[in-house]
Amino acid sequence: MSNKSEVTIALEMSDVWKRDRYGHFQTVHNGQTYRLKMQELSIRFERKVLVTGKAEWVNVISDYYRNVRLGEREGKPIMRIGNKALPL
């Protein structure tokens, strides 16, 4: 079980995720831009897509901070949101 401050600290220490000017965290993987949108009670994992020539964020998975798990897999830090394991 995690809270928003624990998740934020883990993301700030990460080499993978970078904070943007809105307080969310972004990364680029295989040419795709992903964002962790930090809301008051929940976190959203989103992917940037083009819709009729305009960039939009599409929700991949979201959950409350209390359900987010911080841990390790194969010796590397991860954050688990629902069934998604994201590298830190």
N, C-alpha and C. Protein backbone atom coordinates (compact mmCIF):
# COMPACT_ATOMS: atom_id res chain seq x y z
N MET A 1 0.85 -1.18 0.00
CA MET A 1 0.00 0.00 0.00
C MET A 1 0.89 1.24 0.00
N SER A 2 0.54 2.21 -0.82
CA SER A 2 1.32 3.44 -0.94
C SER A 2 0.41 4.65 -0.79
N ASN A 3 1.05 5.79 -0.60
CA ASN A 3 0.30 7.04 -0.63
C ASN A 3 0.96 7.95 -1.67
N LYS A 4 0.35 9.09 -1.93
CA LYS A 4 0.83 9.97 -3.00
C LYS A 4 2.27 10.41 -2.77
N SER A 5 2.63 10.74 -1.53
CA SER A 5 3.99 11.22 -1.28
C SER A 5 5.03 10.11 -1.51
N GLU A 6 4.73 8.87 -1.14
CA GLU A 6 5.65 7.76 -1.39
C GLU A 6 5.86 7.54 -2.88
N VAL A 7 4.77 7.59 -3.64
CA VAL A 7 4.85 7.41 -5.09
C VAL A 7 5.64 8.56 -5.72
N THR A 8 5.38 9.78 -5.29
CA THR A 8 6.08 10.95 -5.83
C THR A 8 7.58 10.87 -5.55
N ILE A 9 7.95 10.50 -4.34
CA ILE A 9 9.37 10.37 -4.00
C ILE A 9 10.04 9.30 -4.86
N ALA A 10 9.38 8.16 -5.05
CA ALA A 10 9.93 7.09 -5.88
C ALA A 10 10.12 7.56 -7.32
N LEU A 11 9.18 8.31 -7.84
CA LEU A 11 9.28 8.80 -9.22
C LEU A 11 10.36 9.87 -9.35
N GLU A 12 10.51 10.73 -8.35
CA GLU A 12 11.56 11.76 -8.40
C GLU A 12 12.95 11.14 -8.36
N MET A 13 13.11 10.00 -7.69
CA MET A 13 14.40 9.32 -7.62
C MET A 13 14.68 8.48 -8.87
N SER A 14 13.68 8.30 -9.71
CA SER A 14 13.79 7.45 -10.89
C SER A 14 14.63 8.09 -11.99
N ASP A 15 15.36 7.24 -12.73
CA ASP A 15 16.08 7.68 -13.92
C ASP A 15 15.17 7.60 -15.15
N VAL A 16 14.05 6.91 -15.04
CA VAL A 16 13.15 6.68 -16.17
C VAL A 16 12.14 7.82 -16.33
N TRP A 17 11.58 8.28 -15.24
CA TRP A 17 10.50 9.27 -15.26
C TRP A 17 11.03 10.66 -14.94
N LYS A 18 10.55 11.67 -15.68
CA LYS A 18 10.93 13.07 -15.46
C LYS A 18 9.68 13.89 -15.21
N ARG A 19 9.74 14.77 -14.20
CA ARG A 19 8.59 15.61 -13.86
C ARG A 19 8.41 16.69 -14.93
N ASP A 20 7.16 16.92 -15.33
CA ASP A 20 6.89 17.99 -16.28
C ASP A 20 6.43 19.25 -15.55
N ARG A 21 6.13 20.28 -16.31
CA ARG A 21 5.79 21.56 -15.69
C ARG A 21 4.45 21.55 -14.97
N TYR A 22 3.65 20.50 -15.16
CA TYR A 22 2.35 20.40 -14.49
C TYR A 22 2.39 19.52 -13.25
N GLY A 23 3.56 18.96 -12.93
CA GLY A 23 3.70 18.11 -11.76
C GLY A 23 3.44 16.64 -12.04
N HIS A 24 3.25 16.29 -13.32
CA HIS A 24 3.08 14.89 -13.70
C HIS A 24 4.45 14.36 -14.12
N PHE A 25 4.54 13.07 -14.42
CA PHE A 25 5.81 12.46 -14.81
C PHE A 25 5.68 11.85 -16.19
N GLN A 26 6.70 12.06 -17.04
CA GLN A 26 6.67 11.56 -18.41
C GLN A 26 7.93 10.76 -18.72
N THR A 27 7.78 9.86 -19.70
CA THR A 27 8.91 9.10 -20.23
C THR A 27 8.62 8.78 -21.68
N VAL A 28 9.67 8.48 -22.44
CA VAL A 28 9.54 8.05 -23.82
C VAL A 28 10.14 6.66 -23.92
N HIS A 29 9.36 5.73 -24.50
CA HIS A 29 9.82 4.34 -24.67
C HIS A 29 9.41 3.88 -26.06
N ASN A 30 10.38 3.43 -26.85
CA ASN A 30 10.13 2.97 -28.23
C ASN A 30 9.35 3.99 -29.06
N GLY A 31 9.69 5.26 -28.90
CA GLY A 31 9.06 6.31 -29.68
C GLY A 31 7.69 6.76 -29.18
N GLN A 32 7.16 6.13 -28.15
CA GLN A 32 5.88 6.49 -27.57
C GLN A 32 6.09 7.30 -26.30
N THR A 33 5.29 8.34 -26.09
CA THR A 33 5.36 9.15 -24.88
C THR A 33 4.29 8.68 -23.90
N TYR A 34 4.71 8.44 -22.67
CA TYR A 34 3.81 8.00 -21.60
C TYR A 34 3.84 9.01 -20.48
N ARG A 35 2.74 9.08 -19.73
CA ARG A 35 2.64 10.02 -18.62
C ARG A 35 1.98 9.33 -17.44
N LEU A 36 2.47 9.67 -16.26
CA LEU A 36 1.79 9.33 -15.01
C LEU A 36 1.15 10.61 -14.51
N LYS A 37 -0.15 10.67 -14.61
CA LYS A 37 -0.88 11.87 -14.20
C LYS A 37 -1.19 11.74 -12.71
N MET A 38 -0.63 12.68 -11.96
CA MET A 38 -0.76 12.67 -10.51
C MET A 38 -2.00 13.46 -10.10
N GLN A 39 -3.05 12.77 -9.74
CA GLN A 39 -4.27 13.42 -9.28
C GLN A 39 -4.30 13.39 -7.75
N GLU A 40 -5.27 14.01 -7.15
CA GLU A 40 -5.30 14.11 -5.70
C GLU A 40 -5.41 12.74 -5.02
N LEU A 41 -6.31 11.89 -5.49
CA LEU A 41 -6.54 10.60 -4.85
C LEU A 41 -6.08 9.42 -5.70
N SER A 42 -5.82 9.65 -6.98
CA SER A 42 -5.50 8.54 -7.86
C SER A 42 -4.38 8.91 -8.82
N ILE A 43 -3.87 7.88 -9.48
CA ILE A 43 -2.80 8.04 -10.46
C ILE A 43 -3.28 7.41 -11.76
N ARG A 44 -2.98 8.06 -12.87
CA ARG A 44 -3.37 7.56 -14.19
C ARG A 44 -2.13 7.33 -15.04
N PHE A 45 -2.02 6.16 -15.65
CA PHE A 45 -0.95 5.85 -16.60
C PHE A 45 -1.55 6.07 -17.98
N GLU A 46 -0.99 7.05 -18.74
CA GLU A 46 -1.57 7.45 -20.01
C GLU A 46 -0.55 7.39 -21.13
N ARG A 47 -1.05 7.24 -22.36
CA ARG A 47 -0.21 7.23 -23.55
C ARG A 47 -0.65 8.37 -24.47
N LYS A 48 0.31 9.06 -25.05
CA LYS A 48 0.00 10.16 -25.97
C LYS A 48 -0.26 9.59 -27.36
N VAL A 49 -1.40 9.97 -27.94
CA VAL A 49 -1.78 9.52 -29.28
C VAL A 49 -2.21 10.73 -30.10
N LEU A 50 -2.16 10.58 -31.42
CA LEU A 50 -2.65 11.62 -32.32
C LEU A 50 -4.08 11.29 -32.73
N VAL A 51 -4.99 12.23 -32.49
CA VAL A 51 -6.38 12.08 -32.89
C VAL A 51 -6.70 13.24 -33.81
N THR A 52 -6.96 12.95 -35.07
CA THR A 52 -7.21 13.96 -36.11
C THR A 52 -6.17 15.08 -36.07
N GLY A 53 -4.90 14.67 -35.97
CA GLY A 53 -3.81 15.63 -36.01
C GLY A 53 -3.53 16.36 -34.72
N LYS A 54 -4.24 16.04 -33.66
CA LYS A 54 -4.05 16.70 -32.36
C LYS A 54 -3.60 15.67 -31.33
N ALA A 55 -2.61 16.04 -30.53
CA ALA A 55 -2.10 15.14 -29.50
C ALA A 55 -3.08 15.07 -28.33
N GLU A 56 -3.43 13.85 -27.94
CA GLU A 56 -4.35 13.61 -26.81
C GLU A 56 -3.74 12.56 -25.90
N TRP A 57 -4.09 12.61 -24.62
CA TRP A 57 -3.66 11.59 -23.66
C TRP A 57 -4.79 10.58 -23.48
N VAL A 58 -4.46 9.29 -23.62
CA VAL A 58 -5.43 8.22 -23.47
C VAL A 58 -5.06 7.39 -22.25
N ASN A 59 -6.04 7.17 -21.39
CA ASN A 59 -5.81 6.40 -20.17
C ASN A 59 -5.57 4.93 -20.51
N VAL A 60 -4.47 4.38 -20.00
CA VAL A 60 -4.17 2.97 -20.15
C VAL A 60 -4.69 2.22 -18.93
N ILE A 61 -4.36 2.73 -17.74
CA ILE A 61 -4.84 2.14 -16.49
C ILE A 61 -4.74 3.21 -15.40
N SER A 62 -5.62 3.13 -14.44
CA SER A 62 -5.58 4.06 -13.31
C SER A 62 -6.03 3.34 -12.05
N ASP A 63 -5.64 3.89 -10.91
CA ASP A 63 -6.02 3.31 -9.62
C ASP A 63 -5.75 4.32 -8.53
N TYR A 64 -6.31 4.04 -7.37
CA TYR A 64 -6.05 4.87 -6.20
C TYR A 64 -4.63 4.62 -5.69
N TYR A 65 -4.03 5.64 -5.09
CA TYR A 65 -2.67 5.49 -4.56
C TYR A 65 -2.58 4.35 -3.56
N ARG A 66 -3.64 4.13 -2.79
CA ARG A 66 -3.59 3.07 -1.77
C ARG A 66 -3.42 1.68 -2.39
N ASN A 67 -3.75 1.53 -3.69
CA ASN A 67 -3.61 0.25 -4.37
C ASN A 67 -2.31 0.12 -5.17
N VAL A 68 -1.53 1.19 -5.24
CA VAL A 68 -0.26 1.17 -5.97
C VAL A 68 0.78 0.45 -5.12
N ARG A 69 1.56 -0.41 -5.75
CA ARG A 69 2.60 -1.16 -5.05
C ARG A 69 3.97 -0.78 -5.59
N LEU A 70 4.89 -0.48 -4.69
CA LEU A 70 6.28 -0.22 -5.04
C LEU A 70 7.09 -1.45 -4.67
N GLY A 71 7.96 -1.89 -5.56
CA GLY A 71 8.74 -3.09 -5.26
C GLY A 71 9.86 -3.27 -6.26
N GLU A 72 10.28 -4.53 -6.40
CA GLU A 72 11.37 -4.87 -7.32
C GLU A 72 10.98 -6.09 -8.14
N ARG A 73 11.52 -6.14 -9.35
CA ARG A 73 11.40 -7.32 -10.20
C ARG A 73 12.74 -7.51 -10.87
N GLU A 74 13.31 -8.67 -10.69
CA GLU A 74 14.63 -8.99 -11.23
C GLU A 74 15.68 -7.97 -10.79
N GLY A 75 15.57 -7.51 -9.55
CA GLY A 75 16.53 -6.58 -8.99
C GLY A 75 16.35 -5.13 -9.42
N LYS A 76 15.31 -4.83 -10.19
CA LYS A 76 15.06 -3.46 -10.66
C LYS A 76 13.79 -2.92 -10.03
N PRO A 77 13.79 -1.65 -9.63
CA PRO A 77 12.61 -1.08 -8.98
C PRO A 77 11.44 -0.94 -9.96
N ILE A 78 10.24 -1.26 -9.48
CA ILE A 78 9.03 -1.13 -10.28
C ILE A 78 7.92 -0.50 -9.45
N MET A 79 6.92 0.00 -10.15
CA MET A 79 5.69 0.46 -9.53
C MET A 79 4.57 -0.30 -10.21
N ARG A 80 3.72 -0.94 -9.43
CA ARG A 80 2.63 -1.72 -9.98
C ARG A 80 1.32 -0.95 -9.81
N ILE A 81 0.68 -0.66 -10.95
CA ILE A 81 -0.64 -0.04 -10.97
C ILE A 81 -1.57 -1.07 -11.59
N GLY A 82 -2.46 -1.64 -10.81
CA GLY A 82 -3.31 -2.72 -11.31
C GLY A 82 -2.43 -3.86 -11.78
N ASN A 83 -2.61 -4.28 -13.03
CA ASN A 83 -1.81 -5.40 -13.56
C ASN A 83 -0.59 -4.92 -14.35
N LYS A 84 -0.30 -3.62 -14.35
CA LYS A 84 0.85 -3.06 -15.07
C LYS A 84 2.02 -2.84 -14.13
N ALA A 85 3.18 -3.37 -14.49
CA ALA A 85 4.41 -3.14 -13.75
C ALA A 85 5.24 -2.14 -14.54
N LEU A 86 5.43 -0.95 -13.97
CA LEU A 86 6.16 0.12 -14.64
C LEU A 86 7.54 0.28 -14.04
N PRO A 87 8.58 0.43 -14.86
CA PRO A 87 9.93 0.61 -14.33
C PRO A 87 10.09 1.96 -13.65
N LEU A 88 10.93 1.97 -12.64
CA LEU A 88 11.24 3.23 -11.94
C LEU A 88 12.68 3.61 -12.20
